[in-house]
Structures are given as structure tokens and as C-alpha cells.
Amino acid sequence: MADIDLKDPLSGGVITVDESVVALFENHGYQRVKKATTRRGKGDDTAADAG
């Protein structure tokens, strides 16, 4: 099973859950964090996305 990053709708923070429970979190408003695959080598851009 893979880990999936989800964005908390209230705090804007990101949590990582197992894909087997993603549907439960999505039902409560969590959204999947899109992984940036085109900007490799420029560091982690999740802080900018949270902004």
C-alpha cells in the first residue's frame, strides 16, 4: 500500500495516510496533494502550496 498526502481543510496542513483509508478522509473534506513532477531539483514546493 502506498502513502498518500492529504491537505487538511481546516488547518491547511498536510498529513500522510495509507491509501486504504484515503476515501474516509476525502469524505471529510481532505484533498489529495498534487505532487509536482515537472519541477525536479528545485526542492520541496509544498510550503508554497500551503500559502
C-alpha atoms as a PDB file:
ATOM      1  CA  MET A   1       0.000   0.000   0.000  1.00  0.00           C
ATOM      2  CA  ALA A   2       1.187   3.481  -0.814  1.00  0.00           C
ATOM      3  CA  ASP A   3       1.133   6.552   1.377  1.00  0.00           C
ATOM      4  CA  ILE A   4      -0.988   9.450   0.122  1.00  0.00           C
ATOM      5  CA  ASP A   5      -0.529  13.089   1.160  1.00  0.00           C
ATOM      6  CA  LEU A   6      -3.766  14.884   2.039  1.00  0.00           C
ATOM      7  CA  LYS A   7      -4.360  18.549   2.842  1.00  0.00           C
ATOM      8  CA  ASP A   8      -6.326  19.311   5.995  1.00  0.00           C
ATOM      9  CA  PRO A   9      -9.226  21.612   5.025  1.00  0.00           C
ATOM     10  CA  LEU A  10      -9.171  23.442   8.362  1.00  0.00           C
ATOM     11  CA  SER A  11      -5.502  23.993   9.162  1.00  0.00           C
ATOM     12  CA  GLY A  12      -4.130  23.753   5.638  1.00  0.00           C
ATOM     13  CA  GLY A  13      -1.533  21.313   6.915  1.00  0.00           C
ATOM     14  CA  VAL A  14      -0.593  18.138   5.114  1.00  0.00           C
ATOM     15  CA  ILE A  15      -0.984  14.658   6.553  1.00  0.00           C
ATOM     16  CA  THR A  16       0.126  11.345   5.107  1.00  0.00           C
ATOM     17  CA  VAL A  17      -2.202   8.369   5.293  1.00  0.00           C
ATOM     18  CA  ASP A  18      -2.276   4.896   3.829  1.00  0.00           C
ATOM     19  CA  GLU A  19      -4.178   4.637   0.558  1.00  0.00           C
ATOM     20  CA  SER A  20      -6.577   2.157   2.154  1.00  0.00           C
ATOM     21  CA  VAL A  21      -8.094   4.953   4.288  1.00  0.00           C
ATOM     22  CA  VAL A  22      -7.902   7.848   1.804  1.00  0.00           C
ATOM     23  CA  ALA A  23     -11.604   7.586   0.963  1.00  0.00           C
ATOM     24  CA  LEU A  24     -12.537   8.120   4.604  1.00  0.00           C
ATOM     25  CA  PHE A  25     -10.514  11.326   4.767  1.00  0.00           C
ATOM     26  CA  GLU A  26     -11.781  12.565   1.385  1.00  0.00           C
ATOM     27  CA  ASN A  27     -15.343  12.169   2.673  1.00  0.00           C
ATOM     28  CA  HIS A  28     -14.448  14.673   5.403  1.00  0.00           C
ATOM     29  CA  GLY A  29     -13.119  17.326   3.039  1.00  0.00           C
ATOM     30  CA  TYR A  30      -9.462  16.375   2.791  1.00  0.00           C
ATOM     31  CA  GLN A  31      -7.946  16.815  -0.659  1.00  0.00           C
ATOM     32  CA  ARG A  32      -5.082  14.956  -2.294  1.00  0.00           C
ATOM     33  CA  VAL A  33      -1.901  16.955  -2.581  1.00  0.00           C
ATOM     34  CA  LYS A  34      -0.721  17.021  -6.169  1.00  0.00           C
ATOM     35  CA  LYS A  35       2.910  16.050  -6.432  1.00  0.00           C
ATOM     36  CA  ALA A  36       4.904  18.359  -8.681  1.00  0.00           C
ATOM     37  CA  THR A  37       6.687  16.178 -11.179  1.00  0.00           C
ATOM     38  CA  THR A  38       7.737  18.808 -13.696  1.00  0.00           C
ATOM     39  CA  ARG A  39       9.904  20.908 -11.386  1.00  0.00           C
ATOM     40  CA  ARG A  40      12.522  18.419 -10.315  1.00  0.00           C
ATOM     41  CA  GLY A  41      15.636  19.535  -8.485  1.00  0.00           C
ATOM     42  CA  LYS A  42      14.134  22.729  -7.121  1.00  0.00           C
ATOM     43  CA  GLY A  43      13.367  21.441  -3.664  1.00  0.00           C
ATOM     44  CA  ASP A  44      10.089  20.726  -1.971  1.00  0.00           C
ATOM     45  CA  ASP A  45       7.335  23.125  -3.041  1.00  0.00           C
ATOM     46  CA  THR A  46       4.702  22.052  -0.519  1.00  0.00           C
ATOM     47  CA  ALA A  47       5.347  25.118   1.660  1.00  0.00           C
ATOM     48  CA  ALA A  48       4.472  27.399  -1.256  1.00  0.00           C
ATOM     49  CA  ASP A  49       1.333  25.402  -1.974  1.00  0.00           C
ATOM     50  CA  ALA A  50       0.120  25.717   1.621  1.00  0.00           C
ATOM     51  CA  GLY A  51       0.363  29.504   1.493  1.00  0.00           C
END
